[in-house]
Amino acid sequence: MGRKFRKFDLLIRWNGRITHFHDSIDYEDGESSTVPIKSIFTWQELSHICAERCCIGGRRVCKMTYRMPVYKDYALVYEGSVLSDDDDVNMMMRFIAENRFTTAEVYVETEVVGQYGGGGYTEQGE
């Protein structure tokens, strides 16, 4: 508790629902914590969850979200810290180009990385 961290979240949306969630917290002291969660979310639930997750201990935590629709029923959402802002953006833009994504929305919010104080996503099922 209280260690600084960088976090990366990966969510895959299929047929309007989040079908896979993988949460990895990479602490600056080199230790990593990876937690797979098999929760399913709608886009409305996801928006609410992302907004909550960016506020840890009452402080805004930096966030980047990429929404890349491929087909009508599929999108990839990527969130990461801004510690490697340019690398993250370049990587995702390359990913979009290599996979021939037709559209991409890129939202980047940059603020100082916060302290990990617990909490997390609320699991919600069908």
Protein backbone atom coordinates (compact mmCIF):
# COMPACT_ATOMS: atom_id res chain seq x y z
CA MET A 1 0.00 0.00 0.00
CA GLY A 2 1.19 3.50 -0.70
CA ARG A 3 3.67 2.53 -3.39
CA LYS A 4 3.69 4.48 -6.64
CA PHE A 5 2.47 2.51 -9.61
CA ARG A 6 1.85 2.41 -13.32
CA LYS A 7 -1.20 0.52 -14.48
CA PHE A 8 -2.37 -0.93 -17.76
CA ASP A 9 -5.86 -2.27 -18.37
CA LEU A 10 -7.04 -4.25 -21.36
CA LEU A 11 -10.70 -4.77 -22.13
CA ILE A 12 -12.19 -6.52 -25.15
CA ARG A 13 -15.75 -5.75 -26.17
CA TRP A 14 -17.72 -8.32 -28.14
CA ASN A 15 -21.40 -8.02 -29.10
CA GLY A 16 -21.81 -4.98 -26.89
CA ARG A 17 -20.40 -6.61 -23.75
CA ILE A 18 -16.97 -6.67 -22.15
CA THR A 19 -15.92 -10.30 -22.33
CA HIS A 20 -12.38 -10.17 -21.01
CA PHE A 21 -10.67 -7.99 -18.45
CA HIS A 22 -7.03 -8.08 -17.44
CA ASP A 23 -5.66 -5.70 -14.81
CA SER A 24 -1.93 -5.32 -14.25
CA ILE A 25 -0.35 -3.00 -11.71
CA ASP A 26 3.36 -2.38 -12.24
CA TYR A 27 4.92 -0.83 -9.14
CA GLU A 28 7.92 1.46 -9.50
CA ASP A 29 9.95 -0.82 -7.19
CA GLY A 30 9.77 -3.48 -9.92
CA GLU A 31 7.10 -5.70 -8.41
CA SER A 32 4.07 -6.51 -10.56
CA SER A 33 0.60 -7.66 -9.68
CA THR A 34 -1.64 -9.18 -12.35
CA VAL A 35 -5.31 -9.87 -11.67
CA PRO A 36 -7.58 -11.42 -14.31
CA ILE A 37 -11.24 -10.60 -13.68
CA LYS A 38 -14.01 -12.37 -15.58
CA SER A 39 -16.58 -9.63 -15.23
CA ILE A 40 -18.82 -8.47 -18.04
CA PHE A 41 -19.74 -4.82 -18.48
CA THR A 42 -21.85 -2.72 -20.80
CA TRP A 43 -20.33 0.45 -22.26
CA GLN A 44 -22.37 2.51 -19.77
CA GLU A 45 -21.04 0.46 -16.86
CA LEU A 46 -17.52 0.67 -18.28
CA SER A 47 -17.65 4.47 -18.51
CA HIS A 48 -18.71 4.69 -14.87
CA ILE A 49 -16.03 2.20 -13.79
CA CYS A 50 -13.25 3.99 -15.70
CA ALA A 51 -14.24 7.31 -14.16
CA GLU A 52 -14.12 5.78 -10.67
CA ARG A 53 -10.83 3.99 -11.25
CA CYS A 54 -9.14 7.25 -12.21
CA CYS A 55 -9.81 8.60 -8.75
CA ILE A 56 -7.80 6.75 -6.11
CA GLY A 57 -7.60 8.20 -2.63
CA GLY A 58 -9.49 11.28 -3.81
CA ARG A 59 -6.79 12.15 -6.38
CA ARG A 60 -7.08 12.00 -10.13
CA VAL A 61 -4.78 9.39 -11.60
CA CYS A 62 -3.49 9.74 -15.14
CA LYS A 63 -5.42 7.85 -17.79
CA MET A 64 -5.25 7.11 -21.49
CA THR A 65 -8.15 5.45 -23.26
CA TYR A 66 -8.14 4.26 -26.85
CA ARG A 67 -11.40 3.14 -28.46
CA MET A 68 -10.85 1.38 -31.76
CA PRO A 69 -13.94 -0.07 -33.44
CA VAL A 70 -13.10 -2.76 -35.99
CA TYR A 71 -16.57 -4.03 -36.73
CA LYS A 72 -19.89 -2.96 -35.28
CA ASP A 73 -19.64 -5.56 -32.51
CA TYR A 74 -16.00 -5.24 -31.53
CA ALA A 75 -13.75 -2.64 -29.94
CA LEU A 76 -10.56 -2.61 -27.94
CA VAL A 77 -10.12 -0.26 -25.02
CA TYR A 78 -6.63 0.36 -23.73
CA GLU A 79 -5.76 2.31 -20.61
CA GLY A 80 -2.28 3.07 -19.35
CA SER A 81 -0.36 5.53 -17.28
CA VAL A 82 1.36 8.49 -18.89
CA LEU A 83 4.81 7.60 -17.59
CA SER A 84 5.64 6.44 -21.11
CA ASP A 85 3.08 8.64 -22.87
CA ASP A 86 4.77 8.85 -26.28
CA ASP A 87 5.66 5.15 -26.34
CA ASP A 88 2.10 4.17 -25.47
CA VAL A 89 0.59 6.41 -28.14
CA ASN A 90 3.07 5.25 -30.78
CA MET A 91 2.48 1.61 -29.90
CA MET A 92 -1.29 1.95 -30.17
CA MET A 93 -1.11 3.92 -33.41
CA ARG A 94 1.11 1.16 -34.85
CA PHE A 95 -1.36 -1.44 -33.58
CA ILE A 96 -4.21 0.39 -35.31
CA ALA A 97 -2.27 0.64 -38.59
CA GLU A 98 -1.06 -2.97 -38.57
CA ASN A 99 -4.53 -4.32 -37.85
CA ARG A 100 -6.20 -1.99 -40.34
CA PHE A 101 -8.55 -0.37 -37.82
CA THR A 102 -10.80 1.97 -39.74
CA THR A 103 -11.52 4.43 -36.94
CA ALA A 104 -9.87 5.32 -33.66
CA GLU A 105 -10.77 7.66 -30.86
CA VAL A 106 -7.83 8.58 -28.67
CA TYR A 107 -8.43 10.20 -25.31
CA VAL A 108 -5.40 11.17 -23.23
CA GLU A 109 -5.60 12.70 -19.77
CA THR A 110 -2.22 13.46 -18.24
CA GLU A 111 -1.68 13.98 -14.55
CA VAL A 112 0.80 12.88 -11.92
CA VAL A 113 0.64 9.19 -11.09
CA GLY A 114 -1.12 8.66 -7.78
CA GLN A 115 -0.60 6.30 -4.90
CA TYR A 116 -2.19 2.85 -4.94
CA GLY A 117 -4.64 2.79 -2.06
CA GLY A 118 -6.69 -0.30 -2.75
CA GLY A 119 -10.16 -0.46 -4.25
CA GLY A 120 -10.75 -1.70 -7.77
CA TYR A 121 -13.51 -2.61 -10.12
CA THR A 122 -16.91 -3.74 -8.95
CA GLU A 123 -17.78 -7.08 -10.46
CA GLN A 124 -21.04 -7.18 -12.35
CA GLY A 125 -22.43 -10.15 -14.24
CA GLU A 126 -25.11 -10.75 -16.77
